[in-house]
């Protein structure tokens, strides 16, 4: 029981993120802080970061007794699920870890399931421009619906419309999205429960939009969707 409690404390602390308000005239981001207990945490997924060896349960128990705020880096799969927790003994002094934003270049492969239970697989989208939009809750999304409608308009008038894939990844549940998303005939496919993938990419501002090119490279990042000019990516 003692070990279980410590594990919950560790993972809860590890998943604390603070998101910063961005107010620059054109739009306002959201300051967001949330503590999440990783209910899928499994000691058998904990490895030494550099050797790649699994940490025995007794050793892990000893580590948590010495340091209840043990920091574990996460390794994700294409679905955004945590497949490994990595322990680095030389990186244990950080008390609040801000996710490192993904850099431009080769984008990690992904597999999403939409609220309509359709699959979105990155390798099947090569040759298309991908718009990945990140949102938190549908409750506050109504204040930004015009941004999505404007992006829909840009997609609809683009001569390259058939080669554009548009996706919104929400932190909230699929049920909330189904009940709260109210833009008819939108080009955007909707994905719920996206917190792990959001953490994987180091997204720290909402809304936020990434543009991925036909070769699967991240080429642009936008805090403000009105700055997006779609057809320039096909030149």
C-alpha atoms as a PDB file:
ATOM      1  CA  UNK A   1       0.000   0.000   0.000  1.00  0.00           C
ATOM      2  CA  UNK A   2       2.816   2.416   0.848  1.00  0.00           C
ATOM      3  CA  UNK A   3       4.516   1.767  -2.480  1.00  0.00           C
ATOM      4  CA  UNK A   4       1.238   2.239  -4.383  1.00  0.00           C
ATOM      5  CA  UNK A   5       0.619   5.591  -2.721  1.00  0.00           C
ATOM      6  CA  UNK A   6       4.104   6.752  -3.576  1.00  0.00           C
ATOM      7  CA  UNK A   7       3.669   5.769  -7.195  1.00  0.00           C
ATOM      8  CA  UNK A   8       0.482   7.823  -7.445  1.00  0.00           C
ATOM      9  CA  UNK A   9       2.247  10.820  -5.932  1.00  0.00           C
ATOM     10  CA  UNK A  10       5.163  10.451  -8.326  1.00  0.00           C
ATOM     11  CA  UNK A  11       3.053  10.264 -11.446  1.00  0.00           C
ATOM     12  CA  UNK A  12       0.688  12.981 -10.288  1.00  0.00           C
ATOM     13  CA  UNK A  13       3.630  15.329  -9.751  1.00  0.00           C
ATOM     14  CA  UNK A  14       5.175  14.405 -13.067  1.00  0.00           C
ATOM     15  CA  UNK A  15       2.022  15.285 -15.005  1.00  0.00           C
ATOM     16  CA  UNK A  16       1.619  18.807 -13.654  1.00  0.00           C
ATOM     17  CA  UNK A  17       1.868  21.399 -16.418  1.00  0.00           C
ATOM     18  CA  UNK A  18       1.209  25.121 -16.386  1.00  0.00           C
ATOM     19  CA  UNK A  19       0.197  26.755 -19.626  1.00  0.00           C
ATOM     20  CA  UNK A  20       0.865  30.441 -20.191  1.00  0.00           C
ATOM     21  CA  UNK A  21      -1.525  33.168 -21.264  1.00  0.00           C
ATOM     22  CA  UNK A  22      -0.638  34.691 -24.620  1.00  0.00           C
ATOM     23  CA  UNK A  23      -2.320  38.001 -25.340  1.00  0.00           C
ATOM     24  CA  UNK A  24      -0.830  39.783 -28.314  1.00  0.00           C
ATOM     25  CA  UNK A  25      -3.663  41.776 -29.778  1.00  0.00           C
ATOM     26  CA  UNK A  26      -4.740  39.173 -32.321  1.00  0.00           C
ATOM     27  CA  UNK A  27      -5.903  36.529 -29.896  1.00  0.00           C
ATOM     28  CA  UNK A  28      -5.697  35.170 -26.390  1.00  0.00           C
ATOM     29  CA  UNK A  29      -4.339  31.824 -25.324  1.00  0.00           C
ATOM     30  CA  UNK A  30      -5.386  29.909 -22.256  1.00  0.00           C
ATOM     31  CA  UNK A  31      -3.519  29.630 -18.976  1.00  0.00           C
ATOM     32  CA  UNK A  32      -4.063  26.041 -17.991  1.00  0.00           C
ATOM     33  CA  UNK A  33      -2.870  23.976 -15.061  1.00  0.00           C
ATOM     34  CA  UNK A  34      -3.962  20.429 -14.358  1.00  0.00           C
ATOM     35  CA  UNK A  35      -2.876  17.553 -12.161  1.00  0.00           C
ATOM     36  CA  UNK A  36      -3.518  14.138 -13.652  1.00  0.00           C
ATOM     37  CA  UNK A  37      -3.015  10.731 -12.093  1.00  0.00           C
ATOM     38  CA  UNK A  38      -1.658   8.314 -14.651  1.00  0.00           C
ATOM     39  CA  UNK A  39      -3.937   5.366 -13.932  1.00  0.00           C
ATOM     40  CA  UNK A  40      -2.164   3.223 -16.506  1.00  0.00           C
ATOM     41  CA  UNK A  41       1.202   3.529 -14.777  1.00  0.00           C
ATOM     42  CA  UNK A  42       2.932   0.176 -14.489  1.00  0.00           C
ATOM     43  CA  UNK A  43       6.212  -0.488 -12.696  1.00  0.00           C
ATOM     44  CA  UNK A  44       7.087  -2.984 -15.413  1.00  0.00           C
ATOM     45  CA  UNK A  45       7.317  -0.056 -17.856  1.00  0.00           C
ATOM     46  CA  UNK A  46      10.116   1.670 -15.921  1.00  0.00           C
ATOM     47  CA  UNK A  47      13.584   1.513 -17.495  1.00  0.00           C
ATOM     48  CA  UNK A  48      16.989   3.072 -17.022  1.00  0.00           C
ATOM     49  CA  UNK A  49      17.179   5.806 -19.659  1.00  0.00           C
ATOM     50  CA  UNK A  50      20.649   5.138 -21.033  1.00  0.00           C
ATOM     51  CA  UNK A  51      21.160   1.395 -20.599  1.00  0.00           C
ATOM     52  CA  UNK A  52      17.635   0.517 -21.668  1.00  0.00           C
ATOM     53  CA  UNK A  53      17.416  -2.113 -18.932  1.00  0.00           C
ATOM     54  CA  UNK A  54      14.212  -2.597 -16.976  1.00  0.00           C
ATOM     55  CA  UNK A  55      14.366  -1.450 -13.349  1.00  0.00           C
ATOM     56  CA  UNK A  56      13.552  -4.295 -10.928  1.00  0.00           C
ATOM     57  CA  UNK A  57      10.555  -3.685  -8.683  1.00  0.00           C
ATOM     58  CA  UNK A  58      12.648  -3.773  -5.489  1.00  0.00           C
ATOM     59  CA  UNK A  59      15.081  -1.224  -6.916  1.00  0.00           C
ATOM     60  CA  UNK A  60      12.211   1.033  -7.973  1.00  0.00           C
ATOM     61  CA  UNK A  61      10.667   0.773  -4.509  1.00  0.00           C
ATOM     62  CA  UNK A  62      13.992   1.821  -2.999  1.00  0.00           C
ATOM     63  CA  UNK A  63      14.257   4.796  -5.385  1.00  0.00           C
ATOM     64  CA  UNK A  64      10.777   6.045  -4.482  1.00  0.00           C
ATOM     65  CA  UNK A  65      11.474   5.753  -0.766  1.00  0.00           C
ATOM     66  CA  UNK A  66      14.544   7.936  -1.183  1.00  0.00           C
ATOM     67  CA  UNK A  67      12.810  10.404  -3.505  1.00  0.00           C
ATOM     68  CA  UNK A  68       8.972  10.534  -3.464  1.00  0.00           C
ATOM     69  CA  UNK A  69       9.135  13.132  -6.276  1.00  0.00           C
ATOM     70  CA  UNK A  70      10.986  10.809  -8.617  1.00  0.00           C
ATOM     71  CA  UNK A  71      11.098  12.232 -12.143  1.00  0.00           C
ATOM     72  CA  UNK A  72      10.399   9.804 -14.982  1.00  0.00           C
ATOM     73  CA  UNK A  73      10.610  10.816 -18.612  1.00  0.00           C
ATOM     74  CA  UNK A  74       7.896   9.316 -20.814  1.00  0.00           C
ATOM     75  CA  UNK A  75       8.237   7.539 -24.135  1.00  0.00           C
ATOM     76  CA  UNK A  76       5.097   7.428 -26.291  1.00  0.00           C
ATOM     77  CA  UNK A  77       3.838   5.279 -29.132  1.00  0.00           C
ATOM     78  CA  UNK A  78       1.962   6.427 -32.237  1.00  0.00           C
ATOM     79  CA  UNK A  79      -1.336   6.546 -30.352  1.00  0.00           C
ATOM     80  CA  UNK A  80       0.125   8.807 -27.678  1.00  0.00           C
ATOM     81  CA  UNK A  81       0.111   5.993 -25.109  1.00  0.00           C
ATOM     82  CA  UNK A  82       3.037   5.813 -22.685  1.00  0.00           C
ATOM     83  CA  UNK A  83       5.072   2.696 -23.446  1.00  0.00           C
ATOM     84  CA  UNK A  84       8.067   3.411 -21.205  1.00  0.00           C
ATOM     85  CA  UNK A  85       8.982   5.521 -18.170  1.00  0.00           C
ATOM     86  CA  UNK A  86      12.667   6.405 -18.275  1.00  0.00           C
ATOM     87  CA  UNK A  87      14.733   7.009 -15.136  1.00  0.00           C
ATOM     88  CA  UNK A  88      17.868   9.180 -15.245  1.00  0.00           C
ATOM     89  CA  UNK A  89      19.631   9.408 -11.872  1.00  0.00           C
ATOM     90  CA  UNK A  90      21.409  12.607 -12.966  1.00  0.00           C
ATOM     91  CA  UNK A  91      18.170  14.408 -13.813  1.00  0.00           C
ATOM     92  CA  UNK A  92      16.263  14.393 -10.539  1.00  0.00           C
ATOM     93  CA  UNK A  93      16.573  18.012  -9.409  1.00  0.00           C
ATOM     94  CA  UNK A  94      13.659  19.375 -11.446  1.00  0.00           C
ATOM     95  CA  UNK A  95      10.482  20.013  -9.484  1.00  0.00           C
ATOM     96  CA  UNK A  96       8.212  21.139 -12.336  1.00  0.00           C
ATOM     97  CA  UNK A  97       8.982  19.975 -15.827  1.00  0.00           C
ATOM     98  CA  UNK A  98       7.778  22.077 -18.739  1.00  0.00           C
ATOM     99  CA  UNK A  99       7.380  19.988 -21.881  1.00  0.00           C
ATOM    100  CA  UNK A 100       9.900  20.710 -24.618  1.00  0.00           C
ATOM    101  CA  UNK A 101       8.155  21.950 -27.738  1.00  0.00           C
ATOM    102  CA  UNK A 102       8.624  19.827 -30.816  1.00  0.00           C
ATOM    103  CA  UNK A 103      11.035  21.299 -33.351  1.00  0.00           C
ATOM    104  CA  UNK A 104      10.417  21.726 -37.051  1.00  0.00           C
ATOM    105  CA  UNK A 105      11.506  18.776 -39.131  1.00  0.00           C
ATOM    106  CA  UNK A 106      10.521  15.130 -39.318  1.00  0.00           C
ATOM    107  CA  UNK A 107       7.202  14.728 -37.467  1.00  0.00           C
ATOM    108  CA  UNK A 108       6.621  11.617 -35.337  1.00  0.00           C
ATOM    109  CA  UNK A 109       4.243   9.083 -36.852  1.00  0.00           C
ATOM    110  CA  UNK A 110       0.773   8.949 -35.331  1.00  0.00           C
ATOM    111  CA  UNK A 111      -2.432   6.929 -35.260  1.00  0.00           C
ATOM    112  CA  UNK A 112      -5.652   8.586 -34.130  1.00  0.00           C
ATOM    113  CA  UNK A 113      -9.213   7.363 -33.763  1.00  0.00           C
ATOM    114  CA  UNK A 114     -11.835  10.028 -34.399  1.00  0.00           C
ATOM    115  CA  UNK A 115     -15.038  10.457 -32.417  1.00  0.00           C
ATOM    116  CA  UNK A 116     -16.748   8.733 -35.357  1.00  0.00           C
ATOM    117  CA  UNK A 117     -14.388   5.743 -34.873  1.00  0.00           C
ATOM    118  CA  UNK A 118     -12.468   6.355 -38.089  1.00  0.00           C
ATOM    119  CA  UNK A 119      -8.706   5.819 -38.189  1.00  0.00           C
ATOM    120  CA  UNK A 120      -6.202   8.539 -39.086  1.00  0.00           C
ATOM    121  CA  UNK A 121      -2.753   7.096 -39.818  1.00  0.00           C
ATOM    122  CA  UNK A 122       0.122   9.423 -40.676  1.00  0.00           C
ATOM    123  CA  UNK A 123       1.776   7.084 -43.195  1.00  0.00           C
ATOM    124  CA  UNK A 124      -1.464   7.068 -45.195  1.00  0.00           C
ATOM    125  CA  UNK A 125      -1.405  10.863 -45.448  1.00  0.00           C
ATOM    126  CA  UNK A 126       1.889  11.263 -47.274  1.00  0.00           C
ATOM    127  CA  UNK A 127       1.325  13.585 -50.219  1.00  0.00           C
ATOM    128  CA  UNK A 128      -1.129  15.721 -48.261  1.00  0.00           C
ATOM    129  CA  UNK A 129      -0.759  18.865 -46.180  1.00  0.00           C
ATOM    130  CA  UNK A 130      -1.917  18.109 -42.632  1.00  0.00           C
ATOM    131  CA  UNK A 131      -3.422  20.710 -40.319  1.00  0.00           C
ATOM    132  CA  UNK A 132      -3.227  19.603 -36.674  1.00  0.00           C
ATOM    133  CA  UNK A 133      -5.178  21.921 -34.377  1.00  0.00           C
ATOM    134  CA  UNK A 134      -4.929  21.509 -30.590  1.00  0.00           C
ATOM    135  CA  UNK A 135      -7.763  22.496 -28.254  1.00  0.00           C
ATOM    136  CA  UNK A 136      -8.633  21.919 -24.608  1.00  0.00           C
ATOM    137  CA  UNK A 137     -12.364  21.865 -23.847  1.00  0.00           C
ATOM    138  CA  UNK A 138     -15.445  22.139 -26.015  1.00  0.00           C
ATOM    139  CA  UNK A 139     -16.977  24.404 -23.361  1.00  0.00           C
ATOM    140  CA  UNK A 140     -14.576  27.214 -24.222  1.00  0.00           C
ATOM    141  CA  UNK A 141     -14.300  26.204 -27.889  1.00  0.00           C
ATOM    142  CA  UNK A 142     -17.454  28.165 -28.748  1.00  0.00           C
ATOM    143  CA  UNK A 143     -15.397  31.354 -28.372  1.00  0.00           C
ATOM    144  CA  UNK A 144     -13.078  30.139 -31.147  1.00  0.00           C
ATOM    145  CA  UNK A 145     -15.570  28.604 -33.565  1.00  0.00           C
ATOM    146  CA  UNK A 146     -15.058  31.488 -35.972  1.00  0.00           C
ATOM    147  CA  UNK A 147     -11.383  30.516 -36.281  1.00  0.00           C
ATOM    148  CA  UNK A 148     -12.344  27.011 -37.404  1.00  0.00           C
ATOM    149  CA  UNK A 149     -14.994  28.372 -39.752  1.00  0.00           C
ATOM    150  CA  UNK A 150     -12.373  30.630 -41.311  1.00  0.00           C
ATOM    151  CA  UNK A 151      -9.967  27.722 -41.718  1.00  0.00           C
ATOM    152  CA  UNK A 152     -12.811  25.717 -43.274  1.00  0.00           C
ATOM    153  CA  UNK A 153     -13.410  28.566 -45.693  1.00  0.00           C
ATOM    154  CA  UNK A 154      -9.731  28.600 -46.674  1.00  0.00           C
ATOM    155  CA  UNK A 155      -9.802  24.837 -47.219  1.00  0.00           C
ATOM    156  CA  UNK A 156     -12.999  25.007 -49.270  1.00  0.00           C
ATOM    157  CA  UNK A 157     -11.688  27.680 -51.651  1.00  0.00           C
ATOM    158  CA  UNK A 158      -8.286  26.063 -52.036  1.00  0.00           C
ATOM    159  CA  UNK A 159      -7.613  24.473 -55.412  1.00  0.00           C
ATOM    160  CA  UNK A 160      -5.731  21.824 -53.422  1.00  0.00           C
ATOM    161  CA  UNK A 161      -8.620  20.967 -51.108  1.00  0.00           C
ATOM    162  CA  UNK A 162      -8.437  17.231 -51.846  1.00  0.00           C
ATOM    163  CA  UNK A 163      -4.837  17.199 -50.639  1.00  0.00           C
ATOM    164  CA  UNK A 164      -5.521  18.789 -47.249  1.00  0.00           C
ATOM    165  CA  UNK A 165      -6.216  16.760 -44.096  1.00  0.00           C
ATOM    166  CA  UNK A 166      -7.563  18.766 -41.134  1.00  0.00           C
ATOM    167  CA  UNK A 167      -7.720  17.394 -37.586  1.00  0.00           C
ATOM    168  CA  UNK A 168      -8.602  18.894 -34.196  1.00  0.00           C
ATOM    169  CA  UNK A 169      -7.157  17.114 -31.161  1.00  0.00           C
ATOM    170  CA  UNK A 170      -9.056  17.919 -27.959  1.00  0.00           C
ATOM    171  CA  UNK A 171      -7.921  17.253 -24.408  1.00  0.00           C
ATOM    172  CA  UNK A 172     -11.513  16.531 -23.372  1.00  0.00           C
ATOM    173  CA  UNK A 173     -13.528  13.344 -23.850  1.00  0.00           C
ATOM    174  CA  UNK A 174     -15.201  12.120 -27.022  1.00  0.00           C
ATOM    175  CA  UNK A 175     -18.611  12.460 -25.370  1.00  0.00           C
ATOM    176  CA  UNK A 176     -18.000  16.135 -24.640  1.00  0.00           C
ATOM    177  CA  UNK A 177     -16.927  16.700 -28.234  1.00  0.00           C
ATOM    178  CA  UNK A 178     -19.962  14.937 -29.691  1.00  0.00           C
ATOM    179  CA  UNK A 179     -22.299  16.939 -27.471  1.00  0.00           C
ATOM    180  CA  UNK A 180     -20.529  20.278 -27.839  1.00  0.00           C
ATOM    181  CA  UNK A 181     -19.002  20.602 -31.321  1.00  0.00           C
ATOM    182  CA  UNK A 182     -21.555  22.348 -33.485  1.00  0.00           C
ATOM    183  CA  UNK A 183     -19.934  23.366 -36.775  1.00  0.00           C
ATOM    184  CA  UNK A 184     -21.849  21.662 -39.601  1.00  0.00           C
ATOM    185  CA  UNK A 185     -20.005  20.296 -42.642  1.00  0.00           C
ATOM    186  CA  UNK A 186     -16.587  21.052 -41.198  1.00  0.00           C
ATOM    187  CA  UNK A 187     -13.516  19.629 -42.908  1.00  0.00           C
ATOM    188  CA  UNK A 188     -11.984  18.921 -39.514  1.00  0.00           C
ATOM    189  CA  UNK A 189     -11.914  15.412 -38.103  1.00  0.00           C
ATOM    190  CA  UNK A 190     -12.261  15.351 -34.329  1.00  0.00           C
ATOM    191  CA  UNK A 191     -10.111  13.417 -31.869  1.00  0.00           C
ATOM    192  CA  UNK A 192     -10.714  13.278 -28.109  1.00  0.00           C
ATOM    193  CA  UNK A 193      -8.677  12.375 -25.024  1.00  0.00           C
ATOM    194  CA  UNK A 194      -5.555  13.838 -26.592  1.00  0.00           C
ATOM    195  CA  UNK A 195      -3.610  14.866 -23.483  1.00  0.00           C
ATOM    196  CA  UNK A 196      -0.865  12.279 -23.930  1.00  0.00           C
ATOM    197  CA  UNK A 197      -0.227  13.317 -27.517  1.00  0.00           C
ATOM    198  CA  UNK A 198      -0.327  16.978 -26.467  1.00  0.00           C
ATOM    199  CA  UNK A 199       2.322  16.238 -23.822  1.00  0.00           C
ATOM    200  CA  UNK A 200       4.360  14.218 -26.297  1.00  0.00           C
ATOM    201  CA  UNK A 201       4.604  17.236 -28.627  1.00  0.00           C
ATOM    202  CA  UNK A 202       5.156  19.762 -25.834  1.00  0.00           C
ATOM    203  CA  UNK A 203       2.121  21.857 -26.784  1.00  0.00           C
ATOM    204  CA  UNK A 204       1.873  24.580 -24.135  1.00  0.00           C
ATOM    205  CA  UNK A 205      -0.512  27.094 -25.689  1.00  0.00           C
ATOM    206  CA  UNK A 206      -4.143  26.663 -26.720  1.00  0.00           C
ATOM    207  CA  UNK A 207      -5.342  26.870 -29.360  1.00  0.00           C
ATOM    208  CA  UNK A 208      -2.269  25.934 -31.381  1.00  0.00           C
ATOM    209  CA  UNK A 209      -1.902  24.735 -34.945  1.00  0.00           C
ATOM    210  CA  UNK A 210       0.811  22.715 -36.659  1.00  0.00           C
ATOM    211  CA  UNK A 211       1.288  22.309 -40.410  1.00  0.00           C
ATOM    212  CA  UNK A 212       2.876  19.104 -41.713  1.00  0.00           C
ATOM    213  CA  UNK A 213       4.013  18.910 -45.322  1.00  0.00           C
ATOM    214  CA  UNK A 214       3.550  16.189 -47.951  1.00  0.00           C
ATOM    215  CA  UNK A 215       6.718  14.405 -46.834  1.00  0.00           C
ATOM    216  CA  UNK A 216       5.692  14.243 -43.170  1.00  0.00           C
ATOM    217  CA  UNK A 217       7.780  17.180 -41.941  1.00  0.00           C
ATOM    218  CA  UNK A 218       6.597  19.801 -39.467  1.00  0.00           C
ATOM    219  CA  UNK A 219       7.056  23.063 -41.377  1.00  0.00           C
ATOM    220  CA  UNK A 220       4.999  25.666 -39.518  1.00  0.00           C
ATOM    221  CA  UNK A 221       3.524  26.471 -36.097  1.00  0.00           C
ATOM    222  CA  UNK A 222       0.758  28.983 -35.459  1.00  0.00           C
ATOM    223  CA  UNK A 223      -0.670  30.537 -32.322  1.00  0.00           C
ATOM    224  CA  UNK A 224      -3.095  32.499 -34.490  1.00  0.00           C
ATOM    225  CA  UNK A 225      -4.912  30.653 -37.244  1.00  0.00           C
ATOM    226  CA  UNK A 226      -5.544  33.770 -39.336  1.00  0.00           C
ATOM    227  CA  UNK A 227      -1.845  33.708 -40.218  1.00  0.00           C
ATOM    228  CA  UNK A 228      -2.232  30.422 -42.093  1.00  0.00           C
ATOM    229  CA  UNK A 229      -2.043  30.623 -45.902  1.00  0.00           C
ATOM    230  CA  UNK A 230      -2.719  27.115 -47.152  1.00  0.00           C
ATOM    231  CA  UNK A 231      -1.974  27.343 -50.855  1.00  0.00           C
ATOM    232  CA  UNK A 232       1.594  28.525 -50.287  1.00  0.00           C
ATOM    233  CA  UNK A 233       2.458  25.014 -49.089  1.00  0.00           C
ATOM    234  CA  UNK A 234       1.695  23.594 -52.526  1.00  0.00           C
ATOM    235  CA  UNK A 235       4.031  25.853 -54.457  1.00  0.00           C
END
